Amino acid sequence: MHPMVVFLVLLAAGIPKSSAIIASLGVLVTVHLGYGDRTPWPLKMLVFASYAVPAWAISRTGWWVMPLLCAGLLTLWMAISRRWNPFAHKLFEALAGLLQATSLVVASLAR
């Protein structure tokens, strides 16, 4: 997810400019956090939970649900993709982007 696209979509959805900037910068930071082979699993879970944090700039309703959902689903999917099928890792990356976008949409609707 490109941060500029996030910013423009949030503005088009009627989100205040300051919240859209903060959420876009949050996306920029979280998509650059590492979760490679040398990263321990507890740290990977924190990285995956952070994918929902940019939505907090928009709304804090249910603030604890999306990070737990992102951390749980993405950790499970990554473990499955690394264990049995390397192609599934591309699906993992798509799911990560989908969950991050979903958290922003849910936060926009919860305002």
PDB file of N, CA and C in Angstrom:
ATOM      1  N   MET A   1       0.838  -1.164   0.000  1.00  0.00           N
ATOM      2  CA  MET A   1       0.000   0.000   0.000  1.00  0.00           C
ATOM      3  C   MET A   1       0.890   1.235   0.000  1.00  0.00           C
ATOM      4  N   HIS A   2       0.722   2.060  -0.972  1.00  0.00           N
ATOM      5  CA  HIS A   2       1.536   3.267  -1.064  1.00  0.00           C
ATOM      6  C   HIS A   2       0.944   4.347  -0.158  1.00  0.00           C
ATOM      7  N   PRO A   3       1.777   4.988   0.670  1.00  0.00           N
ATOM      8  CA  PRO A   3       1.268   5.997   1.610  1.00  0.00           C
ATOM      9  C   PRO A   3       0.542   7.165   0.947  1.00  0.00           C
ATOM     10  N   MET A   4       0.951   7.563  -0.248  1.00  0.00           N
ATOM     11  CA  MET A   4       0.274   8.666  -0.921  1.00  0.00           C
ATOM     12  C   MET A   4      -1.138   8.253  -1.342  1.00  0.00           C
ATOM     13  N   VAL A   5      -1.299   7.019  -1.775  1.00  0.00           N
ATOM     14  CA  VAL A   5      -2.623   6.520  -2.124  1.00  0.00           C
ATOM     15  C   VAL A   5      -3.501   6.492  -0.876  1.00  0.00           C
ATOM     16  N   VAL A   6      -2.930   6.035   0.238  1.00  0.00           N
ATOM     17  CA  VAL A   6      -3.665   6.020   1.506  1.00  0.00           C
ATOM     18  C   VAL A   6      -4.118   7.430   1.858  1.00  0.00           C
ATOM     19  N   PHE A   7      -3.212   8.395   1.744  1.00  0.00           N
ATOM     20  CA  PHE A   7      -3.525   9.782   2.071  1.00  0.00           C
ATOM     21  C   PHE A   7      -4.677  10.308   1.214  1.00  0.00           C
ATOM     22  N   LEU A   8      -4.597  10.089  -0.096  1.00  0.00           N
ATOM     23  CA  LEU A   8      -5.627  10.598  -1.009  1.00  0.00           C
ATOM     24  C   LEU A   8      -6.977   9.922  -0.786  1.00  0.00           C
ATOM     25  N   VAL A   9      -6.960   8.630  -0.538  1.00  0.00           N
ATOM     26  CA  VAL A   9      -8.219   7.913  -0.297  1.00  0.00           C
ATOM     27  C   VAL A   9      -8.847   8.379   1.011  1.00  0.00           C
ATOM     28  N   LEU A  10      -8.028   8.578   2.036  1.00  0.00           N
ATOM     29  CA  LEU A  10      -8.567   9.052   3.312  1.00  0.00           C
ATOM     30  C   LEU A  10      -9.152  10.455   3.180  1.00  0.00           C
ATOM     31  N   LEU A  11      -8.469  11.315   2.436  1.00  0.00           N
ATOM     32  CA  LEU A  11      -9.010  12.654   2.206  1.00  0.00           C
ATOM     33  C   LEU A  11     -10.337  12.582   1.450  1.00  0.00           C
ATOM     34  N   ALA A  12     -10.399  11.727   0.451  1.00  0.00           N
ATOM     35  CA  ALA A  12     -11.631  11.575  -0.323  1.00  0.00           C
ATOM     36  C   ALA A  12     -12.769  11.015   0.532  1.00  0.00           C
ATOM     37  N   ALA A  13     -12.407  10.267   1.570  1.00  0.00           N
ATOM     38  CA  ALA A  13     -13.417   9.693   2.464  1.00  0.00           C
ATOM     39  C   ALA A  13     -13.864  10.684   3.531  1.00  0.00           C
ATOM     40  N   GLY A  14     -13.285  11.880   3.518  1.00  0.00           N
ATOM     41  CA  GLY A  14     -13.701  12.900   4.474  1.00  0.00           C
ATOM     42  C   GLY A  14     -12.941  12.898   5.785  1.00  0.00           C
ATOM     43  N   ILE A  15     -11.821  12.204   5.832  1.00  0.00           N
ATOM     44  CA  ILE A  15     -10.989  12.186   7.045  1.00  0.00           C
ATOM     45  C   ILE A  15     -10.229  13.508   7.107  1.00  0.00           C
ATOM     46  N   PRO A  16     -10.121  14.126   8.292  1.00  0.00           N
ATOM     47  CA  PRO A  16      -9.364  15.381   8.401  1.00  0.00           C
ATOM     48  C   PRO A  16      -7.922  15.216   7.922  1.00  0.00           C
ATOM     49  N   LYS A  17      -7.392  16.284   7.352  1.00  0.00           N
ATOM     50  CA  LYS A  17      -6.056  16.249   6.739  1.00  0.00           C
ATOM     51  C   LYS A  17      -4.984  15.806   7.731  1.00  0.00           C
ATOM     52  N   SER A  18      -5.038  16.287   8.968  1.00  0.00           N
ATOM     53  CA  SER A  18      -4.008  15.921   9.952  1.00  0.00           C
ATOM     54  C   SER A  18      -4.048  14.422  10.253  1.00  0.00           C
ATOM     55  N   SER A  19      -5.251  13.859  10.395  1.00  0.00           N
ATOM     56  CA  SER A  19      -5.369  12.417  10.651  1.00  0.00           C
ATOM     57  C   SER A  19      -4.904  11.605   9.447  1.00  0.00           C
ATOM     58  N   ALA A  20      -5.208  12.087   8.238  1.00  0.00           N
ATOM     59  CA  ALA A  20      -4.783  11.382   7.025  1.00  0.00           C
ATOM     60  C   ALA A  20      -3.264  11.390   6.892  1.00  0.00           C
ATOM     61  N   ILE A  21      -2.632  12.496   7.259  1.00  0.00           N
ATOM     62  CA  ILE A  21      -1.161  12.570   7.202  1.00  0.00           C
ATOM     63  C   ILE A  21      -0.543  11.602   8.197  1.00  0.00           C
ATOM     64  N   ILE A  22      -1.052  11.613   9.430  1.00  0.00           N
ATOM     65  CA  ILE A  22      -0.500  10.722  10.464  1.00  0.00           C
ATOM     66  C   ILE A  22      -0.688   9.260  10.074  1.00  0.00           C
ATOM     67  N   ALA A  23      -1.875   8.908   9.566  1.00  0.00           N
ATOM     68  CA  ALA A  23      -2.121   7.524   9.156  1.00  0.00           C
ATOM     69  C   ALA A  23      -1.212   7.131   7.992  1.00  0.00           C
ATOM     70  N   SER A  24      -1.006   8.037   7.042  1.00  0.00           N
ATOM     71  CA  SER A  24      -0.133   7.747   5.895  1.00  0.00           C
ATOM     72  C   SER A  24       1.312   7.554   6.337  1.00  0.00           C
ATOM     73  N   LEU A  25       1.770   8.380   7.245  1.00  0.00           N
ATOM     74  CA  LEU A  25       3.128   8.211   7.776  1.00  0.00           C
ATOM     75  C   LEU A  25       3.245   6.906   8.567  1.00  0.00           C
ATOM     76  N   GLY A  26       2.180   6.552   9.270  1.00  0.00           N
ATOM     77  CA  GLY A  26       2.168   5.273   9.982  1.00  0.00           C
ATOM     78  C   GLY A  26       2.277   4.097   9.039  1.00  0.00           C
ATOM     79  N   VAL A  27       1.578   4.175   7.910  1.00  0.00           N
ATOM     80  CA  VAL A  27       1.681   3.120   6.899  1.00  0.00           C
ATOM     81  C   VAL A  27       3.105   3.057   6.364  1.00  0.00           C
ATOM     82  N   LEU A  28       3.680   4.210   6.094  1.00  0.00           N
ATOM     83  CA  LEU A  28       5.052   4.270   5.578  1.00  0.00           C
ATOM     84  C   LEU A  28       6.023   3.580   6.535  1.00  0.00           C
ATOM     85  N   VAL A  29       5.878   3.826   7.816  1.00  0.00           N
ATOM     86  CA  VAL A  29       6.780   3.228   8.808  1.00  0.00           C
ATOM     87  C   VAL A  29       6.530   1.727   8.937  1.00  0.00           C
ATOM     88  N   THR A  30       5.262   1.334   9.077  1.00  0.00           N
ATOM     89  CA  THR A  30       4.984  -0.073   9.358  1.00  0.00           C
ATOM     90  C   THR A  30       5.308  -1.003   8.193  1.00  0.00           C
ATOM     91  N   VAL A  31       5.172  -0.538   6.959  1.00  0.00           N
ATOM     92  CA  VAL A  31       5.490  -1.434   5.845  1.00  0.00           C
ATOM     93  C   VAL A  31       7.001  -1.626   5.669  1.00  0.00           C
ATOM     94  N   HIS A  32       7.791  -0.829   6.341  1.00  0.00           N
ATOM     95  CA  HIS A  32       9.237  -0.989   6.241  1.00  0.00           C
ATOM     96  C   HIS A  32       9.845  -1.738   7.436  1.00  0.00           C
ATOM     97  N   LEU A  33       9.013  -2.194   8.358  1.00  0.00           N
ATOM     98  CA  LEU A  33       9.522  -2.990   9.473  1.00  0.00           C
ATOM     99  C   LEU A  33       9.838  -4.392   8.976  1.00  0.00           C
ATOM    100  N   GLY A  34      10.918  -4.949   9.447  1.00  0.00           N
ATOM    101  CA  GLY A  34      11.371  -6.248   8.956  1.00  0.00           C
ATOM    102  C   GLY A  34      10.715  -7.419   9.665  1.00  0.00           C
ATOM    103  N   TYR A  35      10.475  -8.484   8.906  1.00  0.00           N
ATOM    104  CA  TYR A  35       9.971  -9.733   9.489  1.00  0.00           C
ATOM    105  C   TYR A  35      10.632 -10.925   8.802  1.00  0.00           C
ATOM    106  N   GLY A  36      11.898 -10.786   8.489  1.00  0.00           N
ATOM    107  CA  GLY A  36      12.625 -11.813   7.740  1.00  0.00           C
ATOM    108  C   GLY A  36      12.975 -13.037   8.549  1.00  0.00           C
ATOM    109  N   ASP A  37      13.816 -13.877   7.952  1.00  0.00           N
ATOM    110  CA  ASP A  37      14.189 -15.156   8.568  1.00  0.00           C
ATOM    111  C   ASP A  37      14.910 -14.990   9.893  1.00  0.00           C
ATOM    112  N   ARG A  38      15.683 -13.937  10.041  1.00  0.00           N
ATOM    113  CA  ARG A  38      16.461 -13.752  11.271  1.00  0.00           C
ATOM    114  C   ARG A  38      15.684 -13.054  12.384  1.00  0.00           C
ATOM    115  N   THR A  39      14.473 -12.621  12.081  1.00  0.00           N
ATOM    116  CA  THR A  39      13.653 -11.948  13.085  1.00  0.00           C
ATOM    117  C   THR A  39      12.966 -12.998  13.950  1.00  0.00           C
ATOM    118  N   PRO A  40      13.094 -12.888  15.282  1.00  0.00           N
ATOM    119  CA  PRO A  40      12.423 -13.861  16.155  1.00  0.00           C
ATOM    120  C   PRO A  40      10.900 -13.758  16.026  1.00  0.00           C
ATOM    121  N   TRP A  41      10.205 -14.863  16.269  1.00  0.00           N
ATOM    122  CA  TRP A  41       8.757 -14.893  16.098  1.00  0.00           C
ATOM    123  C   TRP A  41       8.013 -13.890  16.975  1.00  0.00           C
ATOM    124  N   PRO A  42       8.413 -13.684  18.246  1.00  0.00           N
ATOM    125  CA  PRO A  42       7.693 -12.661  19.031  1.00  0.00           C
ATOM    126  C   PRO A  42       7.804 -11.265  18.411  1.00  0.00           C
ATOM    127  N   LEU A  43       8.957 -10.942  17.841  1.00  0.00           N
ATOM    128  CA  LEU A  43       9.119  -9.639  17.192  1.00  0.00           C
ATOM    129  C   LEU A  43       8.303  -9.567  15.903  1.00  0.00           C
ATOM    130  N   LYS A  44       8.210 -10.674  15.181  1.00  0.00           N
ATOM    131  CA  LYS A  44       7.364 -10.714  13.983  1.00  0.00           C
ATOM    132  C   LYS A  44       5.914 -10.424  14.356  1.00  0.00           C
ATOM    133  N   MET A  45       5.460 -10.998  15.473  1.00  0.00           N
ATOM    134  CA  MET A  45       4.079 -10.759  15.906  1.00  0.00           C
ATOM    135  C   MET A  45       3.850  -9.280  16.202  1.00  0.00           C
ATOM    136  N   LEU A  46       4.835  -8.625  16.807  1.00  0.00           N
ATOM    137  CA  LEU A  46       4.712  -7.189  17.071  1.00  0.00           C
ATOM    138  C   LEU A  46       4.681  -6.386  15.773  1.00  0.00           C
ATOM    139  N   VAL A  47       5.499  -6.785  14.814  1.00  0.00           N
ATOM    140  CA  VAL A  47       5.492  -6.111  13.509  1.00  0.00           C
ATOM    141  C   VAL A  47       4.118  -6.265  12.860  1.00  0.00           C
ATOM    142  N   PHE A  48       3.561  -7.477  12.902  1.00  0.00           N
ATOM    143  CA  PHE A  48       2.260  -7.709  12.284  1.00  0.00           C
ATOM    144  C   PHE A  48       1.160  -6.944  13.019  1.00  0.00           C
ATOM    145  N   ALA A  49       1.250  -6.866  14.330  1.00  0.00           N
ATOM    146  CA  ALA A  49       0.266  -6.091  15.096  1.00  0.00           C
ATOM    147  C   ALA A  49       0.359  -4.606  14.745  1.00  0.00           C
ATOM    148  N   SER A  50       1.566  -4.145  14.424  1.00  0.00           N
ATOM    149  CA  SER A  50       1.746  -2.724  14.111  1.00  0.00           C
ATOM    150  C   SER A  50       1.052  -2.329  12.806  1.00  0.00           C
ATOM    151  N   TYR A  51       0.688  -3.299  11.981  1.00  0.00           N
ATOM    152  CA  TYR A  51       0.015  -2.965  10.723  1.00  0.00           C
ATOM    153  C   TYR A  51      -1.335  -2.289  10.955  1.00  0.00           C
ATOM    154  N   ALA A  52      -1.935  -2.505  12.110  1.00  0.00           N
ATOM    155  CA  ALA A  52      -3.225  -1.888  12.410  1.00  0.00           C
ATOM    156  C   ALA A  52      -3.072  -0.549  13.134  1.00  0.00           C
ATOM    157  N   VAL A  53      -1.877  -0.207  13.563  1.00  0.00           N
ATOM    158  CA  VAL A  53      -1.663   1.017  14.342  1.00  0.00           C
ATOM    159  C   VAL A  53      -1.972   2.303  13.557  1.00  0.00           C
ATOM    160  N   PRO A  54      -1.663   2.422  12.262  1.00  0.00           N
ATOM    161  CA  PRO A  54      -2.005   3.666  11.557  1.00  0.00           C
ATOM    162  C   PRO A  54      -3.489   4.019  11.616  1.00  0.00           C
ATOM    163  N   ALA A  55      -4.337   3.033  11.784  1.00  0.00           N
ATOM    164  CA  ALA A  55      -5.777   3.303  11.873  1.00  0.00           C
ATOM    165  C   ALA A  55      -6.127   4.081  13.138  1.00  0.00           C
ATOM    166  N   TRP A  56      -5.270   4.051  14.138  1.00  0.00           N
ATOM    167  CA  TRP A  56      -5.533   4.778  15.386  1.00  0.00           C
ATOM    168  C   TRP A  56      -5.549   6.280  15.160  1.00  0.00           C
ATOM    169  N   ALA A  57      -4.912   6.759  14.111  1.00  0.00           N
ATOM    170  CA  ALA A  57      -4.942   8.193  13.813  1.00  0.00           C
ATOM    171  C   ALA A  57      -6.338   8.626  13.372  1.00  0.00           C
ATOM    172  N   ILE A  58      -7.129   7.674  12.925  1.00  0.00           N
ATOM    173  CA  ILE A  58      -8.469   7.982  12.426  1.00  0.00           C
ATOM    174  C   ILE A  58      -9.524   7.765  13.508  1.00  0.00           C
ATOM    175  N   SER A  59      -9.459   6.630  14.180  1.00  0.00           N
ATOM    176  CA  SER A  59     -10.439   6.303  15.208  1.00  0.00           C
ATOM    177  C   SER A  59      -9.818   5.314  16.188  1.00  0.00           C
ATOM    178  N   ARG A  60     -10.149   5.455  17.454  1.00  0.00           N
ATOM    179  CA  ARG A  60      -9.650   4.533  18.458  1.00  0.00           C
ATOM    180  C   ARG A  60     -10.740   3.565  18.921  1.00  0.00           C
ATOM    181  N   THR A  61     -11.864   3.535  18.216  1.00  0.00           N
ATOM    182  CA  THR A  61     -12.932   2.601  18.531  1.00  0.00           C
ATOM    183  C   THR A  61     -12.437   1.187  18.269  1.00  0.00           C
ATOM    184  N   GLY A  62     -12.534   0.329  19.254  1.00  0.00           N
ATOM    185  CA  GLY A  62     -12.052  -1.043  19.106  1.00  0.00           C
ATOM    186  C   GLY A  62     -10.565  -1.116  18.846  1.00  0.00           C
ATOM    187  N   TRP A  63      -9.795  -0.227  19.448  1.00  0.00           N
ATOM    188  CA  TRP A  63      -8.366  -0.070  19.162  1.00  0.00           C
ATOM    189  C   TRP A  63      -7.566  -1.334  19.381  1.00  0.00           C
ATOM    190  N   TRP A  64      -8.019  -2.237  20.201  1.00  0.00           N
ATOM    191  CA  TRP A  64      -7.239  -3.426  20.528  1.00  0.00           C
ATOM    192  C   TRP A  64      -7.566  -4.610  19.627  1.00  0.00           C
ATOM    193  N   VAL A  65      -8.694  -4.563  18.901  1.00  0.00           N
ATOM    194  CA  VAL A  65      -9.133  -5.714  18.114  1.00  0.00           C
ATOM    195  C   VAL A  65      -8.258  -5.938  16.882  1.00  0.00           C
ATOM    196  N   MET A  66      -8.075  -4.896  16.084  1.00  0.00           N
ATOM    197  CA  MET A  66      -7.344  -5.064  14.822  1.00  0.00           C
ATOM    198  C   MET A  66      -5.880  -5.475  15.013  1.00  0.00           C
ATOM    199  N   PRO A  67      -5.127  -4.903  15.974  1.00  0.00           N
ATOM    200  CA  PRO A  67      -3.756  -5.400  16.149  1.00  0.00           C
ATOM    201  C   PRO A  67      -3.703  -6.881  16.520  1.00  0.00           C
ATOM    202  N   LEU A  68      -4.627  -7.317  17.375  1.00  0.00           N
ATOM    203  CA  LEU A  68      -4.653  -8.740  17.726  1.00  0.00           C
ATOM    204  C   LEU A  68      -5.012  -9.601  16.528  1.00  0.00           C
ATOM    205  N   LEU A  69      -5.972  -9.148  15.749  1.00  0.00           N
ATOM    206  CA  LEU A  69      -6.380  -9.878  14.558  1.00  0.00           C
ATOM    207  C   LEU A  69      -5.232  -9.948  13.544  1.00  0.00           C
ATOM    208  N   CYS A  70      -4.586  -8.815  13.303  1.00  0.00           N
ATOM    209  CA  CYS A  70      -3.454  -8.791  12.365  1.00  0.00           C
ATOM    210  C   CYS A  70      -2.323  -9.690  12.847  1.00  0.00           C
ATOM    211  N   ALA A  71      -1.967  -9.571  14.119  1.00  0.00           N
ATOM    212  CA  ALA A  71      -0.862 -10.379  14.654  1.00  0.00           C
ATOM    213  C   ALA A  71      -1.183 -11.864  14.565  1.00  0.00           C
ATOM    214  N   GLY A  72      -2.384 -12.243  14.961  1.00  0.00           N
ATOM    215  CA  GLY A  72      -2.754 -13.660  14.951  1.00  0.00           C
ATOM    216  C   GLY A  72      -2.827 -14.251  13.559  1.00  0.00           C
ATOM    217  N   LEU A  73      -3.569 -13.588  12.675  1.00  0.00           N
ATOM    218  CA  LEU A  73      -3.738 -14.127  11.326  1.00  0.00           C
ATOM    219  C   LEU A  73      -2.432 -14.140  10.531  1.00  0.00           C
ATOM    220  N   LEU A  74      -1.683 -13.056  10.622  1.00  0.00           N
ATOM    221  CA  LEU A  74      -0.454 -12.985   9.826  1.00  0.00           C
ATOM    222  C   LEU A  74       0.624 -13.925  10.349  1.00  0.00           C
ATOM    223  N   THR A  75       0.711 -14.089  11.661  1.00  0.00           N
ATOM    224  CA  THR A  75       1.692 -15.030  12.212  1.00  0.00           C
ATOM    225  C   THR A  75       1.344 -16.454  11.792  1.00  0.00           C
ATOM    226  N   LEU A  76       0.076 -16.812  11.890  1.00  0.00           N
ATOM    227  CA  LEU A  76      -0.363 -18.142  11.479  1.00  0.00           C
ATOM    228  C   LEU A  76      -0.099 -18.372   9.992  1.00  0.00           C
ATOM    229  N   TRP A  77      -0.477 -17.395   9.151  1.00  0.00           N
ATOM    230  CA  TRP A  77      -0.298 -17.561   7.716  1.00  0.00           C
ATOM    231  C   TRP A  77       1.187 -17.626   7.343  1.00  0.00           C
ATOM    232  N   MET A  78       2.026 -16.837   8.023  1.00  0.00           N
ATOM    233  CA  MET A  78       3.449 -16.882   7.711  1.00  0.00           C
ATOM    234  C   MET A  78       4.042 -18.233   8.101  1.00  0.00           C
ATOM    235  N   ALA A  79       3.646 -18.753   9.240  1.00  0.00           N
ATOM    236  CA  ALA A  79       4.145 -20.068   9.659  1.00  0.00           C
ATOM    237  C   ALA A  79       3.734 -21.136   8.655  1.00  0.00           C
ATOM    238  N   ILE A  80       2.510 -21.071   8.174  1.00  0.00           N
ATOM    239  CA  ILE A  80       2.034 -22.047   7.184  1.00  0.00           C
ATOM    240  C   ILE A  80       2.785 -21.880   5.872  1.00  0.00           C
ATOM    241  N   SER A  81       2.954 -20.643   5.419  1.00  0.00           N
ATOM    242  CA  SER A  81       3.588 -20.422   4.117  1.00  0.00           C
ATOM    243  C   SER A  81       5.061 -20.808   4.139  1.00  0.00           C
ATOM    244  N   ARG A  82       5.733 -20.604   5.239  1.00  0.00           N
ATOM    245  CA  ARG A  82       7.158 -20.965   5.312  1.00  0.00           C
ATOM    246  C   ARG A  82       7.337 -22.455   5.462  1.00  0.00           C
ATOM    247  N   ARG A  83       6.393 -23.110   6.091  1.00  0.00           N
ATOM    248  CA  ARG A  83       6.521 -24.529   6.361  1.00  0.00           C
ATOM    249  C   ARG A  83       6.229 -25.391   5.136  1.00  0.00           C
ATOM    250  N   TRP A  84       5.150 -25.061   4.407  1.00  0.00           N
ATOM    251  CA  TRP A  84       4.703 -25.973   3.360  1.00  0.00           C
ATOM    252  C   TRP A  84       4.801 -25.460   1.942  1.00  0.00           C
ATOM    253  N   ASN A  85       4.728 -24.164   1.727  1.00  0.00           N
ATOM    254  CA  ASN A  85       4.661 -23.720   0.344  1.00  0.00           C
ATOM    255  C   ASN A  85       5.238 -22.313   0.206  1.00  0.00           C
ATOM    256  N   PRO A  86       6.400 -22.187  -0.423  1.00  0.00           N
ATOM    257  CA  PRO A  86       6.992 -20.860  -0.574  1.00  0.00           C
ATOM    258  C   PRO A  86       6.141 -19.911  -1.423  1.00  0.00           C
ATOM    259  N   PHE A  87       5.355 -20.449  -2.371  1.00  0.00           N
ATOM    260  CA  PHE A  87       4.491 -19.592  -3.175  1.00  0.00           C
ATOM    261  C   PHE A  87       3.440 -18.907  -2.308  1.00  0.00           C
ATOM    262  N   ALA A  88       3.025 -19.585  -1.251  1.00  0.00           N
ATOM    263  CA  ALA A  88       2.002 -19.023  -0.366  1.00  0.00           C
ATOM    264  C   ALA A  88       2.509 -17.774   0.348  1.00  0.00           C
ATOM    265  N   HIS A  89       3.831 -17.554   0.340  1.00  0.00           N
ATOM    266  CA  HIS A  89       4.355 -16.347   0.970  1.00  0.00           C
ATOM    267  C   HIS A  89       3.894 -15.093   0.230  1.00  0.00           C
ATOM    268  N   LYS A  90       3.727 -15.179  -1.070  1.00  0.00           N
ATOM    269  CA  LYS A  90       3.181 -14.041  -1.826  1.00  0.00           C
ATOM    270  C   LYS A  90       1.735 -13.778  -1.423  1.00  0.00           C
ATOM    271  N   LEU A  91       1.002 -14.837  -1.159  1.00  0.00           N
ATOM    272  CA  LEU A  91      -0.363 -14.674  -0.644  1.00  0.00           C
ATOM    273  C   LEU A  91      -0.340 -14.035   0.737  1.00  0.00           C
ATOM    274  N   PHE A  92       0.673 -14.386   1.527  1.00  0.00           N
ATOM    275  CA  PHE A  92       0.837 -13.773   2.850  1.00  0.00           C
ATOM    276  C   PHE A  92       1.011 -12.261   2.712  1.00  0.00           C
ATOM    277  N   GLU A  93       1.845 -11.834   1.779  1.00  0.00           N
ATOM    278  CA  GLU A  93       2.070 -10.403   1.588  1.00  0.00           C
ATOM    279  C   GLU A  93       0.787  -9.696   1.155  1.00  0.00           C
ATOM    280  N   ALA A  94       0.000 -10.349   0.322  1.00  0.00           N
ATOM    281  CA  ALA A  94      -1.281  -9.777  -0.097  1.00  0.00           C
ATOM    282  C   ALA A  94      -2.239  -9.685   1.090  1.00  0.00           C
ATOM    283  N   LEU A  95      -2.261 -10.714   1.929  1.00  0.00           N
ATOM    284  CA  LEU A  95      -3.117 -10.700   3.106  1.00  0.00           C
ATOM    285  C   LEU A  95      -2.702  -9.601   4.079  1.00  0.00           C
ATOM    286  N   ALA A  96      -1.405  -9.377   4.209  1.00  0.00           N
ATOM    287  CA  ALA A  96      -0.917  -8.309   5.096  1.00  0.00           C
ATOM    288  C   ALA A  96      -1.416  -6.948   4.614  1.00  0.00           C
ATOM    289  N   GLY A  97      -1.318  -6.695   3.328  1.00  0.00           N
ATOM    290  CA  GLY A  97      -1.821  -5.435   2.778  1.00  0.00           C
ATOM    291  C   GLY A  97      -3.326  -5.309   2.919  1.00  0.00           C
ATOM    292  N   LEU A  98      -4.035  -6.414   2.704  1.00  0.00           N
ATOM    293  CA  LEU A  98      -5.484  -6.409   2.842  1.00  0.00           C
ATOM    294  C   LEU A  98      -5.903  -6.107   4.278  1.00  0.00           C
ATOM    295  N   LEU A  99      -5.219  -6.709   5.244  1.00  0.00           N
ATOM    296  CA  LEU A  99      -5.559  -6.446   6.647  1.00  0.00           C
ATOM    297  C   LEU A  99      -5.247  -5.008   7.041  1.00  0.00           C
ATOM    298  N   GLN A 100      -4.156  -4.467   6.521  1.00  0.00           N
ATOM    299  CA  GLN A 100      -3.833  -3.075   6.837  1.00  0.00           C
ATOM    300  C   GLN A 100      -4.877  -2.142   6.224  1.00  0.00           C
ATOM    301  N   ALA A 101      -5.272  -2.399   5.004  1.00  0.00           N
ATOM    302  CA  ALA A 101      -6.305  -1.583   4.366  1.00  0.00           C
ATOM    303  C   ALA A 101      -7.644  -1.736   5.083  1.00  0.00           C
ATOM    304  N   THR A 102      -7.961  -2.951   5.494  1.00  0.00           N
ATOM    305  CA  THR A 102      -9.206  -3.192   6.218  1.00  0.00           C
ATOM    306  C   THR A 102      -9.236  -2.432   7.535  1.00  0.00           C
ATOM    307  N   SER A 103      -8.110  -2.389   8.232  1.00  0.00           N
ATOM    308  CA  SER A 103      -8.083  -1.652   9.500  1.00  0.00           C
ATOM    309  C   SER A 103      -8.331  -0.165   9.271  1.00  0.00           C
ATOM    310  N   LEU A 104      -7.811   0.381   8.170  1.00  0.00           N
ATOM    311  CA  LEU A 104      -8.060   1.792   7.859  1.00  0.00           C
ATOM    312  C   LEU A 104      -9.522   2.037   7.486  1.00  0.00           C
ATOM    313  N   VAL A 105     -10.115   1.115   6.743  1.00  0.00           N
ATOM    314  CA  VAL A 105     -11.526   1.255   6.357  1.00  0.00           C
ATOM    315  C   VAL A 105     -12.417   1.154   7.590  1.00  0.00           C
ATOM    316  N   VAL A 106     -12.153   0.180   8.441  1.00  0.00           N
ATOM    317  CA  VAL A 106     -12.953   0.020   9.659  1.00  0.00           C
ATOM    318  C   VAL A 106     -12.840   1.249  10.535  1.00  0.00           C
ATOM    319  N   ALA A 107     -11.640   1.796  10.673  1.00  0.00           N
ATOM    320  CA  ALA A 107     -11.449   3.000  11.482  1.00  0.00           C
ATOM    321  C   ALA A 107     -12.197   4.182  10.863  1.00  0.00           C
ATOM    322  N   SER A 108     -12.210   4.270   9.539  1.00  0.00           N
ATOM    323  CA  SER A 108     -12.923   5.360   8.865  1.00  0.00           C
ATOM    324  C   SER A 108     -14.423   5.256   9.095  1.00  0.00           C
ATOM    325  N   LEU A 109     -14.932   4.040   9.079  1.00  0.00           N
ATOM    326  CA  LEU A 109     -16.363   3.839   9.295  1.00  0.00           C
ATOM    327  C   LEU A 109     -16.753   4.025  10.765  1.00  0.00           C
ATOM    328  N   ALA A 110     -15.816   3.793  11.673  1.00  0.00           N
ATOM    329  CA  ALA A 110     -16.110   3.886  13.115  1.00  0.00           C
ATOM    330  C   ALA A 110     -16.034   5.311  13.642  1.00  0.00           C
ATOM    331  N   ARG A 111     -15.598   6.257  12.839  1.00  0.00           N
ATOM    332  CA  ARG A 111     -15.476   7.639  13.301  1.00  0.00           C
ATOM    333  C   ARG A 111     -16.803   8.198  13.692  1.00  0.00           C
TER     334      ARG A 111
END
